[in-house]
Amino acid sequence: MKLAAVIDNYVQFKRALGMHLRSEAAMLSRFSRVMGAIDISDVRPNAVRSFIVGKGPVTSSCKQHLSVLSSFYRYALSREFATTSPLPTTLPKIPPPGPPYIYTPNDLRRLLAAAASLQTPKASWRGRAFRTLLLLLYGTGLRIGEALALTLRDVDLANHVITVHNAKFFKERLVPCGPKLAAVLTDYANVRRRRQPLPAGEGSSFFANSLGTRWDLATTQKFFRQVCLCAEVVREGGPRRQPRLHDLRHTAAQHRIEAWYREGKDVQRLLPQLATYLGHRDLGGTQRYLHMTPELLRQANRRFERYAKP
């Protein structure tokens, strides 16, 4: 059976179980194109290894590719579409991920101002739309994939609540937003977005291009890199060490912890609430978003001083 046909069967099977499988389906489609129009039995281990490892430096994407292909071949073997698995048993050592970039308030102000650099004569709305996206990511701590998947129906502007359907682990959650962010979202939705095409009515993408279709992740990341360069928000270490959109989620969590310390709140009691807000299954997922910054260390020292010298 042709490799492409087995991939189509696998994707349909997974989606029938309620999985979205957007990024996985795109990766498997790329895998099929690279392998060529061949039977699944003709896929060679060397070709698979080259696809997984790639041509550039070894990154965490190798692990992701191997995970997706492992799931696909388990399906193919169980359905007897394939008799053997061509997946490699070992991979080059993947370097540990670098620390996230915690944006300072000044960084955030410069990024918001630099969003205007995306505006062009043919896309006069783009700068305002991207500025709204940055504010949404920082103000709610949404993952970038969750933000791009939002529809107009998901953003309840009257009640200041956002419904996240395409969350990690296929969970749905409600995310409240403050009045200032709600005002920004309302202005964008009514003044900008609703003047663009709405191919699915209220089910149309909240962040969309001139045709009314949702922004894809690659284009959004390209826009963000342009904004960072314009705002001069960079760090040493080369292209792979530069600030990311996902770091806005880290920054939102970090700034919330720092604010709780400044306000004298019981941080340990509030951490489960932060975990729920971010869509984590437990506190272990939230711990990865907490980092010992100079500001947090300063607030912790002040709290200890109040405890030691009442």
Protein backbone atom coordinates (compact mmCIF):
# COMPACT_ATOMS: atom_id res chain seq x y z
CA MET A 1 0.00 0.00 0.00
CA LYS A 2 1.23 3.48 -0.81
CA LEU A 3 2.80 5.40 2.06
CA ALA A 4 0.59 8.45 1.41
CA ALA A 5 -2.55 6.31 1.61
CA VAL A 6 -1.52 4.78 4.93
CA ILE A 7 -0.82 8.25 6.32
CA ASP A 8 -4.29 9.41 5.21
CA ASN A 9 -5.86 6.40 6.95
CA TYR A 10 -3.87 7.09 10.11
CA VAL A 11 -4.84 10.77 10.24
CA GLN A 12 -8.53 9.96 9.70
CA PHE A 13 -8.36 7.30 12.41
CA LYS A 14 -6.82 9.68 14.95
CA ARG A 15 -9.26 12.47 14.16
CA ALA A 16 -12.16 10.06 14.53
CA LEU A 17 -10.95 9.59 18.11
CA GLY A 18 -11.30 13.35 18.69
CA MET A 19 -7.68 14.39 18.15
CA HIS A 20 -6.87 17.55 16.18
CA LEU A 21 -3.55 16.32 14.76
CA ARG A 22 -2.79 19.53 12.85
CA SER A 23 0.96 19.73 13.32
CA GLU A 24 1.37 15.93 13.27
CA ALA A 25 -0.58 15.66 10.01
CA ALA A 26 1.54 18.41 8.45
CA MET A 27 4.74 16.62 9.52
CA LEU A 28 3.55 13.27 8.15
CA SER A 29 2.56 14.94 4.89
CA ARG A 30 6.08 16.35 4.62
CA PHE A 31 7.48 12.91 5.43
CA SER A 32 5.44 11.43 2.58
CA ARG A 33 6.70 14.03 0.10
CA VAL A 34 10.32 13.48 1.12
CA MET A 35 10.02 9.68 0.83
CA GLY A 36 8.27 9.95 -2.55
CA ALA A 37 5.35 8.07 -4.10
CA ILE A 38 6.42 4.65 -2.82
CA ASP A 39 4.87 1.74 -0.96
CA ILE A 40 5.23 1.82 2.79
CA SER A 41 7.27 -1.39 2.58
CA ASP A 42 9.87 0.42 0.43
CA VAL A 43 10.69 3.08 3.04
CA ARG A 44 14.35 2.64 3.99
CA PRO A 45 15.84 3.21 7.47
CA ASN A 46 18.58 5.52 6.17
CA ALA A 47 15.99 7.78 4.53
CA VAL A 48 13.90 7.89 7.70
CA ARG A 49 16.92 8.73 9.84
CA SER A 50 17.92 11.55 7.48
CA PHE A 51 14.40 12.96 7.67
CA ILE A 52 14.33 12.84 11.47
CA VAL A 53 17.78 14.32 12.04
CA GLY A 54 17.66 16.86 9.20
CA LYS A 55 20.61 18.76 7.74
CA GLY A 56 21.20 21.46 10.35
CA PRO A 57 22.16 21.25 14.03
CA VAL A 58 20.41 18.63 16.12
CA THR A 59 17.37 20.17 17.86
CA SER A 60 14.40 19.03 19.91
CA SER A 61 12.43 18.64 16.66
CA CYS A 62 14.25 15.32 16.17
CA LYS A 63 12.52 13.95 19.24
CA GLN A 64 9.17 15.29 18.04
CA HIS A 65 9.60 13.73 14.59
CA LEU A 66 10.54 10.38 16.11
CA SER A 67 7.53 10.48 18.44
CA VAL A 68 5.07 11.16 15.62
CA LEU A 69 6.60 8.53 13.33
CA SER A 70 6.64 5.98 16.16
CA SER A 71 2.91 6.44 16.67
CA PHE A 72 2.31 6.20 12.93
CA TYR A 73 4.30 2.97 12.55
CA ARG A 74 2.60 1.39 15.57
CA TYR A 75 -0.66 1.97 13.73
CA ALA A 76 0.73 0.65 10.43
CA LEU A 77 2.10 -2.50 12.05
CA SER A 78 -1.09 -3.18 14.00
CA ARG A 79 -3.15 -2.91 10.78
CA GLU A 80 -0.57 -4.98 8.85
CA PHE A 81 0.09 -2.18 6.39
CA ALA A 82 3.76 -2.70 7.26
CA THR A 83 5.67 -5.74 8.47
CA THR A 84 8.73 -3.96 9.90
CA SER A 85 9.54 -0.53 11.28
CA PRO A 86 12.32 1.51 9.60
CA LEU A 87 12.68 3.84 12.60
CA PRO A 88 16.17 4.30 14.09
CA THR A 89 16.80 2.85 17.54
CA THR A 90 19.22 5.64 18.52
CA LEU A 91 19.51 9.34 17.72
CA PRO A 92 22.25 11.94 18.20
CA LYS A 93 22.23 13.52 21.63
CA ILE A 94 19.81 16.42 21.70
CA PRO A 95 21.21 19.51 23.46
CA PRO A 96 19.18 20.73 26.43
CA PRO A 97 16.82 23.61 25.70
CA GLY A 98 18.10 27.05 26.51
CA PRO A 99 16.48 29.15 29.24
CA PRO A 100 13.43 31.17 28.19
CA TYR A 101 13.74 34.88 27.65
CA ILE A 102 11.87 36.79 30.35
CA TYR A 103 10.80 40.09 28.80
CA THR A 104 11.20 43.22 30.85
CA PRO A 105 8.41 45.83 30.87
CA ASN A 106 10.63 47.97 28.63
CA ASP A 107 11.05 45.04 26.21
CA LEU A 108 7.28 44.64 26.04
CA ARG A 109 6.73 48.34 25.36
CA ARG A 110 9.27 48.29 22.53
CA LEU A 111 7.72 45.16 21.01
CA LEU A 112 4.24 46.67 21.05
CA ALA A 113 5.53 49.84 19.40
CA ALA A 114 7.51 47.86 16.80
CA ALA A 115 4.43 45.90 15.71
CA ALA A 116 3.60 48.87 13.51
CA SER A 117 6.59 47.90 11.33
CA LEU A 118 4.48 45.03 9.93
CA GLN A 119 2.04 47.44 8.35
CA THR A 120 2.17 47.62 4.54
CA PRO A 121 -0.01 49.38 1.94
CA LYS A 122 -1.69 46.05 1.17
CA ALA A 123 -2.00 45.02 4.83
CA SER A 124 -2.68 48.19 6.77
CA TRP A 125 -4.36 46.11 9.52
CA ARG A 126 -1.42 43.80 10.20
CA GLY A 127 0.42 45.97 12.70
CA ARG A 128 -2.69 46.46 14.87
CA ALA A 129 -3.54 42.76 14.64
CA PHE A 130 -0.07 41.65 15.69
CA ARG A 131 -0.01 44.13 18.55
CA THR A 132 -3.31 42.64 19.73
CA LEU A 133 -1.84 39.14 19.52
CA LEU A 134 1.17 40.16 21.65
CA LEU A 135 -1.10 41.71 24.28
CA LEU A 136 -3.30 38.63 24.30
CA LEU A 137 -0.35 36.26 24.76
CA TYR A 138 1.11 38.32 27.60
CA GLY A 139 -2.21 39.21 29.21
CA THR A 140 -3.58 35.67 29.31
CA GLY A 141 -0.54 33.37 29.08
CA LEU A 142 -2.09 31.49 26.17
CA ARG A 143 0.08 29.20 24.08
CA ILE A 144 0.66 30.58 20.60
CA GLY A 145 -1.17 27.62 19.04
CA GLU A 146 -4.17 28.25 21.28
CA ALA A 147 -4.26 31.94 20.34
CA LEU A 148 -4.07 31.28 16.59
CA ALA A 149 -6.84 28.68 16.84
CA LEU A 150 -9.31 31.13 18.41
CA THR A 151 -12.45 32.04 16.51
CA LEU A 152 -14.64 35.11 16.89
CA ARG A 153 -17.13 32.94 18.76
CA ASP A 154 -14.46 31.89 21.28
CA VAL A 155 -13.78 35.48 22.37
CA ASP A 156 -16.71 36.57 24.55
CA LEU A 157 -16.14 40.31 24.60
CA ALA A 158 -19.24 41.04 26.68
CA ASN A 159 -18.22 38.81 29.59
CA HIS A 160 -14.43 39.15 29.16
CA VAL A 161 -13.95 35.39 28.81
CA ILE A 162 -12.00 33.42 26.20
CA THR A 163 -12.84 29.79 25.49
CA VAL A 164 -9.83 27.70 24.54
CA HIS A 165 -10.87 24.58 22.63
CA ASN A 166 -7.60 23.45 21.10
CA ALA A 167 -5.66 23.22 24.33
CA LYS A 168 -2.81 20.84 25.07
CA PHE A 169 -3.92 17.33 26.07
CA PHE A 170 -7.20 18.07 24.19
CA LYS A 171 -8.67 19.93 27.15
CA GLU A 172 -11.03 22.89 27.02
CA ARG A 173 -10.80 25.78 29.46
CA LEU A 174 -12.15 29.25 30.11
CA VAL A 175 -9.65 32.09 30.41
CA PRO A 176 -10.83 35.41 31.89
CA CYS A 177 -9.20 38.63 30.76
CA GLY A 178 -9.04 42.04 32.40
CA PRO A 179 -10.99 45.11 31.27
CA LYS A 180 -7.99 46.75 29.55
CA LEU A 181 -7.22 43.67 27.46
CA ALA A 182 -10.94 43.20 26.75
CA ALA A 183 -11.07 46.76 25.41
CA VAL A 184 -8.13 46.05 23.09
CA LEU A 185 -9.74 42.83 21.84
CA THR A 186 -13.07 44.60 21.30
CA ASP A 187 -11.44 47.38 19.30
CA TYR A 188 -9.55 44.88 17.15
CA ALA A 189 -12.57 42.62 16.57
CA ASN A 190 -15.05 45.36 15.71
CA VAL A 191 -12.85 47.91 13.97
CA ARG A 192 -10.42 45.58 12.15
CA ARG A 193 -11.34 41.91 12.08
CA ARG A 194 -15.02 42.19 11.16
CA ARG A 195 -14.11 44.31 8.16
CA GLN A 196 -12.18 41.37 6.73
CA PRO A 197 -13.83 38.33 5.12
CA LEU A 198 -15.65 35.99 7.52
CA PRO A 199 -15.76 32.68 5.60
CA ALA A 200 -17.27 30.78 8.55
CA GLY A 201 -19.24 33.59 10.19
CA GLU A 202 -18.64 33.69 13.93
CA GLY A 203 -16.59 30.52 13.52
CA SER A 204 -13.99 32.44 11.46
CA SER A 205 -10.47 32.80 12.83
CA PHE A 206 -9.93 35.67 15.25
CA PHE A 207 -6.47 36.33 13.81
CA ALA A 208 -6.74 36.08 10.04
CA ASN A 209 -5.11 37.25 6.82
CA SER A 210 -6.74 39.36 4.12
CA LEU A 211 -8.67 36.29 2.89
CA GLY A 212 -10.13 35.62 6.31
CA THR A 213 -8.13 32.44 6.95
CA ARG A 214 -6.14 31.90 10.13
CA TRP A 215 -2.52 32.90 10.51
CA ASP A 216 -0.20 29.92 10.32
CA LEU A 217 2.51 29.45 12.93
CA ALA A 218 5.46 29.83 10.54
CA THR A 219 4.24 33.19 9.23
CA THR A 220 3.48 34.42 12.75
CA GLN A 221 6.98 33.50 13.93
CA LYS A 222 8.47 35.29 10.93
CA PHE A 223 6.49 38.42 11.82
CA PHE A 224 7.69 38.16 15.42
CA ARG A 225 11.32 37.92 14.38
CA GLN A 226 10.88 41.11 12.31
CA VAL A 227 9.27 42.88 15.27
CA CYS A 228 12.08 41.77 17.62
CA LEU A 229 14.75 43.09 15.28
CA CYS A 230 12.92 46.39 14.90
CA ALA A 231 12.51 46.68 18.68
CA GLU A 232 16.12 45.56 19.29
CA VAL A 233 14.93 42.83 21.63
CA VAL A 234 17.70 40.28 21.07
CA ARG A 235 20.19 38.24 23.07
CA GLU A 236 23.54 36.63 22.43
CA GLY A 237 23.90 33.02 21.33
CA GLY A 238 22.92 32.99 17.67
CA PRO A 239 19.59 32.50 15.88
CA ARG A 240 18.46 29.55 18.01
CA ARG A 241 18.82 31.50 21.24
CA GLN A 242 16.66 34.46 20.32
CA PRO A 243 13.48 35.44 22.22
CA ARG A 244 10.42 33.44 21.21
CA LEU A 245 6.69 34.01 21.15
CA HIS A 246 6.31 31.19 23.68
CA ASP A 247 8.52 33.15 26.07
CA LEU A 248 5.62 35.58 26.51
CA ARG A 249 3.84 32.76 28.33
CA HIS A 250 6.86 32.28 30.60
CA THR A 251 6.96 36.04 31.18
CA ALA A 252 3.26 36.24 32.04
CA ALA A 253 3.65 33.52 34.70
CA GLN A 254 6.84 35.04 36.05
CA HIS A 255 5.41 38.55 36.33
CA ARG A 256 2.31 37.20 38.07
CA ILE A 257 4.45 35.48 40.72
CA GLU A 258 6.48 38.65 41.24
CA ALA A 259 3.29 40.70 41.59
CA TRP A 260 1.95 38.30 44.22
CA TYR A 261 5.16 38.67 46.20
CA ARG A 262 4.95 42.46 46.00
CA GLU A 263 1.33 42.34 47.16
CA GLY A 264 2.21 40.09 50.09
CA LYS A 265 0.01 37.24 48.83
CA ASP A 266 0.34 33.59 49.88
CA VAL A 267 2.12 32.42 46.72
CA GLN A 268 2.11 28.72 47.65
CA ARG A 269 -1.66 28.78 48.03
CA LEU A 270 -2.14 30.62 44.74
CA LEU A 271 0.14 28.41 42.62
CA PRO A 272 -2.62 25.80 41.93
CA GLN A 273 -4.79 28.62 40.61
CA LEU A 274 -1.99 29.72 38.29
CA ALA A 275 -1.59 26.12 37.09
CA THR A 276 -5.31 25.92 36.29
CA TYR A 277 -5.24 29.29 34.53
CA LEU A 278 -2.32 28.19 32.34
CA GLY A 279 -4.03 24.90 31.51
CA HIS A 280 -1.56 22.62 33.29
CA ARG A 281 -2.54 19.23 34.65
CA ASP A 282 -0.49 19.69 37.81
CA LEU A 283 2.02 21.98 39.48
CA GLY A 284 4.90 20.16 37.81
CA GLY A 285 3.97 21.76 34.49
CA THR A 286 3.84 25.21 36.08
CA GLN A 287 7.22 24.88 37.80
CA ARG A 288 8.96 25.00 34.42
CA TYR A 289 7.57 28.52 33.96
CA LEU A 290 9.02 29.89 37.20
CA HIS A 291 12.56 31.27 37.10
CA MET A 292 14.77 33.00 39.67
CA THR A 293 15.03 36.46 38.14
CA PRO A 294 16.63 39.41 39.98
CA GLU A 295 13.18 40.86 40.66
CA LEU A 296 11.84 37.62 42.11
CA LEU A 297 14.95 37.20 44.25
CA ARG A 298 14.54 40.77 45.50
CA GLN A 299 10.90 40.20 46.45
CA ALA A 300 11.73 36.90 48.15
CA ASN A 301 14.49 38.58 50.18
CA ARG A 302 12.11 41.32 51.28
CA ARG A 303 9.58 38.74 52.42
CA PHE A 304 12.24 36.87 54.37
CA GLU A 305 13.36 40.11 56.01
CA ARG A 306 9.80 40.79 57.17
CA TYR A 307 9.65 37.26 58.55
CA ALA A 308 13.06 37.44 60.29
CA LYS A 309 12.57 40.97 61.63
CA PRO A 310 8.87 41.41 62.35
